[in-house]
Amino acid sequence: MNKQTKIAPLFLKPIFHQKMWGGTNLKKFNLAIPSDNTGEAWLASAYDDDLSQIVNGPYQGQTLKQVWND
């Protein structure tokens, strides 16, 4: 029997970085930035301590790195 697996998109919580040169320009991308000094928004990351968290589906609450390593 041929089993089909449904694949759903993963939605990730962005990681924001405050920078001395930051501002509010990221608001034009509908991002809820945490301050008026937000300089970067990492939308998908598995880098060191900047791990994107999954906010939907069966992997909700896990990090992108955790799911990748499983």
PDB file of N, CA and C in Angstrom:
ATOM      1  N   MET A   1       0.839  -1.178   0.000  1.00  0.00           N
ATOM      2  CA  MET A   1       0.000   0.000   0.000  1.00  0.00           C
ATOM      3  C   MET A   1       0.891   1.252   0.000  1.00  0.00           C
ATOM      4  N   ASN A   2       0.547   2.223  -0.816  1.00  0.00           N
ATOM      5  CA  ASN A   2       1.298   3.465  -0.921  1.00  0.00           C
ATOM      6  C   ASN A   2       0.720   4.488   0.047  1.00  0.00           C
ATOM      7  N   LYS A   3       1.514   4.846   1.059  1.00  0.00           N
ATOM      8  CA  LYS A   3       1.077   5.842   2.037  1.00  0.00           C
ATOM      9  C   LYS A   3       1.525   7.220   1.596  1.00  0.00           C
ATOM     10  N   GLN A   4       0.623   8.173   1.696  1.00  0.00           N
ATOM     11  CA  GLN A   4       0.979   9.556   1.387  1.00  0.00           C
ATOM     12  C   GLN A   4       1.135  10.322   2.688  1.00  0.00           C
ATOM     13  N   THR A   5       2.148  11.125   2.752  1.00  0.00           N
ATOM     14  CA  THR A   5       2.386  11.959   3.922  1.00  0.00           C
ATOM     15  C   THR A   5       2.035  13.387   3.575  1.00  0.00           C
ATOM     16  N   LYS A   6       1.194  13.986   4.409  1.00  0.00           N
ATOM     17  CA  LYS A   6       0.859  15.389   4.204  1.00  0.00           C
ATOM     18  C   LYS A   6       1.962  16.251   4.805  1.00  0.00           C
ATOM     19  N   ILE A   7       2.400  17.205   4.034  1.00  0.00           N
ATOM     20  CA  ILE A   7       3.434  18.127   4.491  1.00  0.00           C
ATOM     21  C   ILE A   7       2.805  19.515   4.612  1.00  0.00           C
ATOM     22  N   ALA A   8       2.887  20.064   5.802  1.00  0.00           N
ATOM     23  CA  ALA A   8       2.339  21.400   6.049  1.00  0.00           C
ATOM     24  C   ALA A   8       3.501  22.368   6.256  1.00  0.00           C
ATOM     25  N   PRO A   9       3.307  23.625   5.912  1.00  0.00           N
ATOM     26  CA  PRO A   9       4.380  24.604   6.129  1.00  0.00           C
ATOM     27  C   PRO A   9       4.620  24.836   7.623  1.00  0.00           C
ATOM     28  N   LEU A  10       5.851  25.127   7.960  1.00  0.00           N
ATOM     29  CA  LEU A  10       6.195  25.489   9.324  1.00  0.00           C
ATOM     30  C   LEU A  10       6.250  27.010   9.416  1.00  0.00           C
ATOM     31  N   PHE A  11       5.601  27.562  10.409  1.00  0.00           N
ATOM     32  CA  PHE A  11       5.664  28.992  10.652  1.00  0.00           C
ATOM     33  C   PHE A  11       6.595  29.222  11.831  1.00  0.00           C
ATOM     34  N   LEU A  12       7.505  30.160  11.664  1.00  0.00           N
ATOM     35  CA  LEU A  12       8.549  30.403  12.654  1.00  0.00           C
ATOM     36  C   LEU A  12       8.404  31.779  13.284  1.00  0.00           C
ATOM     37  N   LYS A  13       8.742  31.850  14.563  1.00  0.00           N
ATOM     38  CA  LYS A  13       8.750  33.125  15.275  1.00  0.00           C
ATOM     39  C   LYS A  13      10.044  33.848  14.910  1.00  0.00           C
ATOM     40  N   PRO A  14       9.958  35.084  14.410  1.00  0.00           N
ATOM     41  CA  PRO A  14      11.176  35.808  14.039  1.00  0.00           C
ATOM     42  C   PRO A  14      12.035  36.140  15.264  1.00  0.00           C
ATOM     43  N   ILE A  15      13.319  36.252  15.023  1.00  0.00           N
ATOM     44  CA  ILE A  15      14.264  36.655  16.059  1.00  0.00           C
ATOM     45  C   ILE A  15      14.722  38.069  15.721  1.00  0.00           C
ATOM     46  N   PHE A  16      14.509  38.982  16.652  1.00  0.00           N
ATOM     47  CA  PHE A  16      14.841  40.383  16.417  1.00  0.00           C
ATOM     48  C   PHE A  16      16.137  40.741  17.136  1.00  0.00           C
ATOM     49  N   HIS A  17      16.935  41.573  16.474  1.00  0.00           N
ATOM     50  CA  HIS A  17      18.185  42.059  17.049  1.00  0.00           C
ATOM     51  C   HIS A  17      18.158  43.579  17.071  1.00  0.00           C
ATOM     52  N   GLN A  18      18.457  44.117  18.245  1.00  0.00           N
ATOM     53  CA  GLN A  18      18.535  45.562  18.403  1.00  0.00           C
ATOM     54  C   GLN A  18      19.916  46.025  17.930  1.00  0.00           C
ATOM     55  N   LYS A  19      19.942  47.099  17.184  1.00  0.00           N
ATOM     56  CA  LYS A  19      21.196  47.657  16.671  1.00  0.00           C
ATOM     57  C   LYS A  19      21.184  49.166  16.879  1.00  0.00           C
ATOM     58  N   MET A  20      22.360  49.724  17.066  1.00  0.00           N
ATOM     59  CA  MET A  20      22.420  51.175  17.259  1.00  0.00           C
ATOM     60  C   MET A  20      21.947  51.922  16.013  1.00  0.00           C
ATOM     61  N   TRP A  21      22.032  51.271  14.851  1.00  0.00           N
ATOM     62  CA  TRP A  21      21.570  51.881  13.606  1.00  0.00           C
ATOM     63  C   TRP A  21      20.149  51.443  13.257  1.00  0.00           C
ATOM     64  N   GLY A  22      19.499  50.709  14.165  1.00  0.00           N
ATOM     65  CA  GLY A  22      18.157  50.190  13.899  1.00  0.00           C
ATOM     66  C   GLY A  22      17.117  51.293  13.775  1.00  0.00           C
ATOM     67  N   GLY A  23      15.922  50.884  13.496  1.00  0.00           N
ATOM     68  CA  GLY A  23      14.813  51.820  13.342  1.00  0.00           C
ATOM     69  C   GLY A  23      13.498  51.062  13.255  1.00  0.00           C
ATOM     70  N   THR A  24      12.565  51.619  12.497  1.00  0.00           N
ATOM     71  CA  THR A  24      11.237  51.016  12.403  1.00  0.00           C
ATOM     72  C   THR A  24      10.910  50.534  10.991  1.00  0.00           C
ATOM     73  N   ASN A  25      11.887  50.500  10.099  1.00  0.00           N
ATOM     74  CA  ASN A  25      11.623  50.120   8.708  1.00  0.00           C
ATOM     75  C   ASN A  25      11.067  48.704   8.559  1.00  0.00           C
ATOM     76  N   LEU A  26      11.350  47.821   9.495  1.00  0.00           N
ATOM     77  CA  LEU A  26      10.841  46.445   9.390  1.00  0.00           C
ATOM     78  C   LEU A  26       9.324  46.369   9.560  1.00  0.00           C
ATOM     79  N   LYS A  27       8.712  47.416  10.075  1.00  0.00           N
ATOM     80  CA  LYS A  27       7.251  47.436  10.213  1.00  0.00           C
ATOM     81  C   LYS A  27       6.555  47.342   8.859  1.00  0.00           C
ATOM     82  N   LYS A  28       7.211  47.818   7.797  1.00  0.00           N
ATOM     83  CA  LYS A  28       6.574  47.772   6.478  1.00  0.00           C
ATOM     84  C   LYS A  28       6.414  46.342   5.962  1.00  0.00           C
ATOM     85  N   PHE A  29       7.053  45.379   6.629  1.00  0.00           N
ATOM     86  CA  PHE A  29       6.900  43.968   6.285  1.00  0.00           C
ATOM     87  C   PHE A  29       5.928  43.269   7.234  1.00  0.00           C
ATOM     88  N   ASN A  30       5.125  44.058   7.949  1.00  0.00           N
ATOM     89  CA  ASN A  30       4.142  43.554   8.920  1.00  0.00           C
ATOM     90  C   ASN A  30       4.779  42.765  10.057  1.00  0.00           C
ATOM     91  N   LEU A  31       5.972  43.143  10.454  1.00  0.00           N
ATOM     92  CA  LEU A  31       6.632  42.517  11.595  1.00  0.00           C
ATOM     93  C   LEU A  31       6.381  43.357  12.840  1.00  0.00           C
ATOM     94  N   ALA A  32       6.000  42.687  13.915  1.00  0.00           N
ATOM     95  CA  ALA A  32       5.754  43.367  15.187  1.00  0.00           C
ATOM     96  C   ALA A  32       7.093  43.507  15.899  1.00  0.00           C
ATOM     97  N   ILE A  33       7.849  44.530  15.518  1.00  0.00           N
ATOM     98  CA  ILE A  33       9.188  44.711  16.076  1.00  0.00           C
ATOM     99  C   ILE A  33       9.090  45.119  17.552  1.00  0.00           C
ATOM    100  N   PRO A  34      10.060  44.679  18.364  1.00  0.00           N
ATOM    101  CA  PRO A  34       9.975  44.947  19.797  1.00  0.00           C
ATOM    102  C   PRO A  34      10.358  46.366  20.221  1.00  0.00           C
ATOM    103  N   SER A  35      11.084  47.106  19.364  1.00  0.00           N
ATOM    104  CA  SER A  35      11.469  48.473  19.735  1.00  0.00           C
ATOM    105  C   SER A  35      11.786  49.289  18.488  1.00  0.00           C
ATOM    106  N   ASP A  36      11.965  50.572  18.688  1.00  0.00           N
ATOM    107  CA  ASP A  36      12.316  51.462  17.580  1.00  0.00           C
ATOM    108  C   ASP A  36      13.790  51.390  17.219  1.00  0.00           C
ATOM    109  N   ASN A  37      14.531  50.486  17.844  1.00  0.00           N
ATOM    110  CA  ASN A  37      15.950  50.275  17.536  1.00  0.00           C
ATOM    111  C   ASN A  37      16.201  48.902  16.924  1.00  0.00           C
ATOM    112  N   THR A  38      15.162  48.295  16.394  1.00  0.00           N
ATOM    113  CA  THR A  38      15.314  46.976  15.799  1.00  0.00           C
ATOM    114  C   THR A  38      16.026  47.114  14.459  1.00  0.00           C
ATOM    115  N   GLY A  39      17.165  46.442  14.346  1.00  0.00           N
ATOM    116  CA  GLY A  39      17.970  46.560  13.137  1.00  0.00           C
ATOM    117  C   GLY A  39      17.937  45.330  12.261  1.00  0.00           C
ATOM    118  N   GLU A  40      17.595  44.172  12.835  1.00  0.00           N
ATOM    119  CA  GLU A  40      17.574  42.932  12.063  1.00  0.00           C
ATOM    120  C   GLU A  40      16.417  42.054  12.523  1.00  0.00           C
ATOM    121  N   ALA A  41      15.863  41.319  11.567  1.00  0.00           N
ATOM    122  CA  ALA A  41      14.864  40.294  11.854  1.00  0.00           C
ATOM    123  C   ALA A  41      15.322  39.019  11.163  1.00  0.00           C
ATOM    124  N   TRP A  42      15.669  38.026  11.957  1.00  0.00           N
ATOM    125  CA  TRP A  42      16.057  36.736  11.393  1.00  0.00           C
ATOM    126  C   TRP A  42      14.793  35.894  11.316  1.00  0.00           C
ATOM    127  N   LEU A  43      14.365  35.575  10.116  1.00  0.00           N
ATOM    128  CA  LEU A  43      13.097  34.876   9.934  1.00  0.00           C
ATOM    129  C   LEU A  43      13.222  33.366  10.052  1.00  0.00           C
ATOM    130  N   ALA A  44      14.401  32.843   9.839  1.00  0.00           N
ATOM    131  CA  ALA A  44      14.669  31.411  10.015  1.00  0.00           C
ATOM    132  C   ALA A  44      16.130  31.256  10.419  1.00  0.00           C
ATOM    133  N   SER A  45      16.354  30.659  11.592  1.00  0.00           N
ATOM    134  CA  SER A  45      17.722  30.539  12.075  1.00  0.00           C
ATOM    135  C   SER A  45      17.899  29.281  12.923  1.00  0.00           C
ATOM    136  N   ALA A  46      19.043  28.646  12.730  1.00  0.00           N
ATOM    137  CA  ALA A  46      19.471  27.538  13.588  1.00  0.00           C
ATOM    138  C   ALA A  46      20.889  27.836  14.072  1.00  0.00           C
ATOM    139  N   TYR A  47      21.180  29.103  14.234  1.00  0.00           N
ATOM    140  CA  TYR A  47      22.528  29.566  14.577  1.00  0.00           C
ATOM    141  C   TYR A  47      22.669  29.741  16.087  1.00  0.00           C
ATOM    142  N   ASP A  48      23.618  29.047  16.682  1.00  0.00           N
ATOM    143  CA  ASP A  48      23.962  29.156  18.108  1.00  0.00           C
ATOM    144  C   ASP A  48      22.729  29.291  19.000  1.00  0.00           C
ATOM    145  N   ASP A  49      22.625  30.422  19.697  1.00  0.00           N
ATOM    146  CA  ASP A  49      21.488  30.639  20.601  1.00  0.00           C
ATOM    147  C   ASP A  49      20.308  31.320  19.925  1.00  0.00           C
ATOM    148  N   ASP A  50      20.435  31.666  18.670  1.00  0.00           N
ATOM    149  CA  ASP A  50      19.355  32.303  17.922  1.00  0.00           C
ATOM    150  C   ASP A  50      18.591  31.233  17.145  1.00  0.00           C
ATOM    151  N   LEU A  51      17.807  30.455  17.875  1.00  0.00           N
ATOM    152  CA  LEU A  51      17.095  29.329  17.279  1.00  0.00           C
ATOM    153  C   LEU A  51      15.641  29.688  17.034  1.00  0.00           C
ATOM    154  N   SER A  52      15.218  29.583  15.784  1.00  0.00           N
ATOM    155  CA  SER A  52      13.832  29.874  15.441  1.00  0.00           C
ATOM    156  C   SER A  52      12.914  28.847  16.086  1.00  0.00           C
ATOM    157  N   GLN A  53      11.820  29.347  16.664  1.00  0.00           N
ATOM    158  CA  GLN A  53      10.841  28.472  17.298  1.00  0.00           C
ATOM    159  C   GLN A  53       9.641  28.302  16.365  1.00  0.00           C
ATOM    160  N   ILE A  54       9.183  27.066  16.255  1.00  0.00           N
ATOM    161  CA  ILE A  54       8.028  26.751  15.408  1.00  0.00           C
ATOM    162  C   ILE A  54       6.758  27.094  16.179  1.00  0.00           C
ATOM    163  N   VAL A  55       5.821  27.778  15.516  1.00  0.00           N
ATOM    164  CA  VAL A  55       4.618  28.263  16.198  1.00  0.00           C
ATOM    165  C   VAL A  55       3.335  27.580  15.736  1.00  0.00           C
ATOM    166  N   ASN A  56       3.451  26.508  14.936  1.00  0.00           N
ATOM    167  CA  ASN A  56       2.230  25.833  14.480  1.00  0.00           C
ATOM    168  C   ASN A  56       2.469  24.336  14.308  1.00  0.00           C
ATOM    169  N   GLY A  57       1.395  23.611  14.179  1.00  0.00           N
ATOM    170  CA  GLY A  57       1.439  22.208  13.815  1.00  0.00           C
ATOM    171  C   GLY A  57       2.033  21.281  14.860  1.00  0.00           C
ATOM    172  N   PRO A  58       2.357  20.061  14.443  1.00  0.00           N
ATOM    173  CA  PRO A  58       2.828  19.042  15.391  1.00  0.00           C
ATOM    174  C   PRO A  58       4.198  19.351  16.001  1.00  0.00           C
ATOM    175  N   TYR A  59       4.955  20.254  15.411  1.00  0.00           N
ATOM    176  CA  TYR A  59       6.277  20.610  15.937  1.00  0.00           C
ATOM    177  C   TYR A  59       6.247  21.887  16.770  1.00  0.00           C
ATOM    178  N   GLN A  60       5.065  22.398  17.032  1.00  0.00           N
ATOM    179  CA  GLN A  60       4.918  23.651  17.773  1.00  0.00           C
ATOM    180  C   GLN A  60       5.698  23.593  19.087  1.00  0.00           C
ATOM    181  N   GLY A  61       6.448  24.661  19.360  1.00  0.00           N
ATOM    182  CA  GLY A  61       7.226  24.763  20.581  1.00  0.00           C
ATOM    183  C   GLY A  61       8.651  24.261  20.443  1.00  0.00           C
ATOM    184  N   GLN A  62       8.941  23.511  19.390  1.00  0.00           N
ATOM    185  CA  GLN A  62      10.300  23.035  19.155  1.00  0.00           C
ATOM    186  C   GLN A  62      11.055  24.058  18.312  1.00  0.00           C
ATOM    187  N   THR A  63      12.364  23.956  18.351  1.00  0.00           N
ATOM    188  CA  THR A  63      13.165  24.849  17.517  1.00  0.00           C
ATOM    189  C   THR A  63      13.399  24.208  16.156  1.00  0.00           C
ATOM    190  N   LEU A  64      13.760  25.024  15.205  1.00  0.00           N
ATOM    191  CA  LEU A  64      14.068  24.540  13.869  1.00  0.00           C
ATOM    192  C   LEU A  64      15.210  23.525  13.929  1.00  0.00           C
ATOM    193  N   LYS A  65      16.176  23.767  14.773  1.00  0.00           N
ATOM    194  CA  LYS A  65      17.321  22.865  14.916  1.00  0.00           C
ATOM    195  C   LYS A  65      16.891  21.511  15.485  1.00  0.00           C
ATOM    196  N   GLN A  66      15.980  21.509  16.457  1.00  0.00           N
ATOM    197  CA  GLN A  66      15.498  20.262  17.033  1.00  0.00           C
ATOM    198  C   GLN A  66      14.808  19.402  15.971  1.00  0.00           C
ATOM    199  N   VAL A  67      13.959  20.024  15.189  1.00  0.00           N
ATOM    200  CA  VAL A  67      13.223  19.287  14.157  1.00  0.00           C
ATOM    201  C   VAL A  67      14.173  18.786  13.077  1.00  0.00           C
ATOM    202  N   TRP A  68      15.141  19.592  12.703  1.00  0.00           N
ATOM    203  CA  TRP A  68      16.113  19.193  11.673  1.00  0.00           C
ATOM    204  C   TRP A  68      16.917  17.986  12.134  1.00  0.00           C
ATOM    205  N   ASN A  69      17.307  17.976  13.413  1.00  0.00           N
ATOM    206  CA  ASN A  69      18.131  16.898  13.927  1.00  0.00           C
ATOM    207  C   ASN A  69      17.365  15.602  14.188  1.00  0.00           C
ATOM    208  N   ASP A  70      16.043  15.660  14.240  1.00  0.00           N
ATOM    209  CA  ASP A  70      15.234  14.443  14.473  1.00  0.00           C
ATOM    210  C   ASP A  70      15.164  13.543  13.290  1.00  0.00           C
TER     211      ASP A  70
END
